[in-house]
């Protein structure tokens, strides 16, 4: 019974990951343009950055 719950959680996690990755669009815009789009659509702005220190 416990292994079925783990398998169900694993399938749910995989499905959520696939849906999230397909919903995300990697688009490079200026901060001001992105902020304007977020305000126009009444959405939050997500800023993702990376560094290799």
N, C-alpha and C. Protein backbone atom coordinates (compact mmCIF):
# COMPACT_ATOMS: atom_id res chain seq x y z
N UNK A 1 0.82 -1.19 0.00
CA UNK A 1 0.00 0.00 0.00
C UNK A 1 0.87 1.26 0.00
N UNK A 2 1.93 1.24 0.78
CA UNK A 2 2.81 2.39 0.88
C UNK A 2 3.53 2.64 -0.45
N UNK A 3 3.92 1.59 -1.15
CA UNK A 3 4.62 1.77 -2.42
C UNK A 3 3.68 2.36 -3.48
N UNK A 4 2.38 2.06 -3.41
CA UNK A 4 1.43 2.65 -4.35
C UNK A 4 1.34 4.15 -4.13
N UNK A 5 1.39 4.57 -2.88
CA UNK A 5 1.34 6.00 -2.58
C UNK A 5 2.59 6.70 -3.10
N UNK A 6 3.74 6.06 -2.97
CA UNK A 6 4.98 6.64 -3.47
C UNK A 6 4.96 6.72 -4.99
N UNK A 7 4.45 5.71 -5.64
CA UNK A 7 4.37 5.71 -7.10
C UNK A 7 3.41 6.80 -7.56
N UNK A 8 2.29 6.95 -6.86
CA UNK A 8 1.34 8.00 -7.20
C UNK A 8 1.95 9.38 -7.07
N UNK A 9 2.71 9.60 -5.99
CA UNK A 9 3.37 10.88 -5.79
C UNK A 9 4.42 11.14 -6.86
N UNK A 10 5.13 10.10 -7.24
CA UNK A 10 6.15 10.23 -8.27
C UNK A 10 5.52 10.59 -9.62
N UNK A 11 4.42 9.95 -9.95
CA UNK A 11 3.72 10.25 -11.20
C UNK A 11 3.18 11.68 -11.18
N UNK A 12 2.63 12.10 -10.05
CA UNK A 12 2.13 13.46 -9.92
C UNK A 12 3.26 14.48 -10.07
N UNK A 13 4.38 14.21 -9.45
CA UNK A 13 5.54 15.10 -9.55
C UNK A 13 6.03 15.20 -10.99
N UNK A 14 6.09 14.07 -11.67
CA UNK A 14 6.54 14.07 -13.07
C UNK A 14 5.57 14.86 -13.94
N UNK A 15 4.27 14.68 -13.73
CA UNK A 15 3.27 15.39 -14.52
C UNK A 15 3.36 16.90 -14.28
N UNK A 16 3.54 17.29 -13.02
CA UNK A 16 3.65 18.71 -12.71
C UNK A 16 4.90 19.32 -13.32
N UNK A 17 5.99 18.58 -13.32
CA UNK A 17 7.23 19.06 -13.91
C UNK A 17 7.08 19.25 -15.40
N UNK A 18 6.45 18.30 -16.06
CA UNK A 18 6.25 18.41 -17.51
C UNK A 18 5.35 19.59 -17.84
N UNK A 19 4.28 19.76 -17.10
CA UNK A 19 3.36 20.88 -17.35
C UNK A 19 4.04 22.22 -17.09
N UNK A 20 4.83 22.30 -16.04
CA UNK A 20 5.50 23.56 -15.72
C UNK A 20 6.55 23.91 -16.76
N UNK A 21 7.29 22.93 -17.22
CA UNK A 21 8.32 23.22 -18.21
C UNK A 21 7.74 23.62 -19.55
N UNK A 22 6.58 23.07 -19.89
CA UNK A 22 5.96 23.45 -21.16
C UNK A 22 5.29 24.80 -21.05
N UNK A 23 4.90 25.22 -19.86
CA UNK A 23 4.23 26.51 -19.67
C UNK A 23 5.23 27.66 -19.62
N UNK A 24 6.46 27.38 -19.25
CA UNK A 24 7.47 28.42 -19.15
C UNK A 24 8.04 28.73 -20.52
N UNK A 25 8.14 30.00 -20.80
CA UNK A 25 8.76 30.43 -22.05
C UNK A 25 10.04 31.19 -21.69
N UNK A 26 11.14 30.75 -22.20
CA UNK A 26 12.39 31.46 -21.97
C UNK A 26 12.44 32.62 -22.95
N UNK A 27 12.22 33.78 -22.41
CA UNK A 27 12.16 34.97 -23.26
C UNK A 27 13.00 36.05 -22.61
N UNK A 28 13.91 36.61 -23.34
CA UNK A 28 14.77 37.65 -22.80
C UNK A 28 14.23 39.01 -23.23
N UNK A 29 13.86 39.82 -22.25
CA UNK A 29 13.39 41.18 -22.49
C UNK A 29 14.03 42.09 -21.46
N UNK A 30 13.86 43.36 -21.67
CA UNK A 30 14.39 44.30 -20.69
C UNK A 30 13.50 44.27 -19.45
N UNK A 31 14.04 44.72 -18.34
CA UNK A 31 13.28 44.74 -17.10
C UNK A 31 12.05 45.63 -17.23
N UNK A 32 12.23 46.79 -17.81
CA UNK A 32 11.12 47.74 -17.95
C UNK A 32 10.00 47.17 -18.81
N UNK A 33 10.36 46.49 -19.90
CA UNK A 33 9.36 45.89 -20.78
C UNK A 33 8.62 44.76 -20.05
N UNK A 34 9.36 43.93 -19.34
CA UNK A 34 8.74 42.83 -18.61
C UNK A 34 7.82 43.36 -17.50
N UNK A 35 8.25 44.40 -16.81
CA UNK A 35 7.44 45.00 -15.77
C UNK A 35 6.15 45.59 -16.34
N UNK A 36 6.26 46.23 -17.49
CA UNK A 36 5.08 46.78 -18.15
C UNK A 36 4.10 45.70 -18.56
N UNK A 37 4.61 44.59 -19.09
CA UNK A 37 3.74 43.47 -19.47
C UNK A 37 3.06 42.87 -18.25
N UNK A 38 3.79 42.73 -17.16
CA UNK A 38 3.22 42.16 -15.94
C UNK A 38 2.12 43.06 -15.39
N UNK A 39 2.36 44.36 -15.39
CA UNK A 39 1.33 45.29 -14.90
C UNK A 39 0.10 45.27 -15.80
N UNK A 40 0.32 45.22 -17.11
CA UNK A 40 -0.80 45.22 -18.06
C UNK A 40 -1.67 43.97 -17.91
N UNK A 41 -1.04 42.85 -17.56
CA UNK A 41 -1.76 41.58 -17.43
C UNK A 41 -2.15 41.29 -15.98
N UNK A 42 -1.84 42.24 -15.08
CA UNK A 42 -2.11 42.08 -13.65
C UNK A 42 -1.51 40.78 -13.11
N UNK A 43 -0.24 40.56 -13.45
CA UNK A 43 0.47 39.36 -13.02
C UNK A 43 1.74 39.76 -12.28
N UNK A 44 2.26 38.79 -11.56
CA UNK A 44 3.53 39.00 -10.86
C UNK A 44 4.68 38.81 -11.84
N UNK A 45 5.80 39.42 -11.54
CA UNK A 45 6.99 39.31 -12.38
C UNK A 45 7.99 38.38 -11.71
N UNK A 46 8.43 37.36 -12.44
CA UNK A 46 9.42 36.42 -11.93
C UNK A 46 10.75 36.75 -12.58
N UNK A 47 11.75 36.98 -11.75
CA UNK A 47 13.09 37.29 -12.25
C UNK A 47 13.97 36.09 -11.94
N UNK A 48 14.50 35.50 -12.97
CA UNK A 48 15.36 34.32 -12.81
C UNK A 48 16.75 34.68 -13.31
N UNK A 49 17.74 34.42 -12.50
CA UNK A 49 19.10 34.74 -12.92
C UNK A 49 20.04 33.62 -12.48
N UNK A 50 21.20 33.60 -13.06
CA UNK A 50 22.17 32.54 -12.83
C UNK A 50 23.57 33.13 -12.80
N UNK A 51 24.40 32.59 -11.96
CA UNK A 51 25.79 32.99 -11.94
C UNK A 51 26.65 31.74 -11.72
N UNK A 52 27.87 31.80 -12.17
CA UNK A 52 28.80 30.70 -12.02
C UNK A 52 30.05 31.20 -11.31
N UNK A 53 29.88 31.48 -10.02
CA UNK A 53 30.99 31.99 -9.24
C UNK A 53 31.90 30.92 -8.86
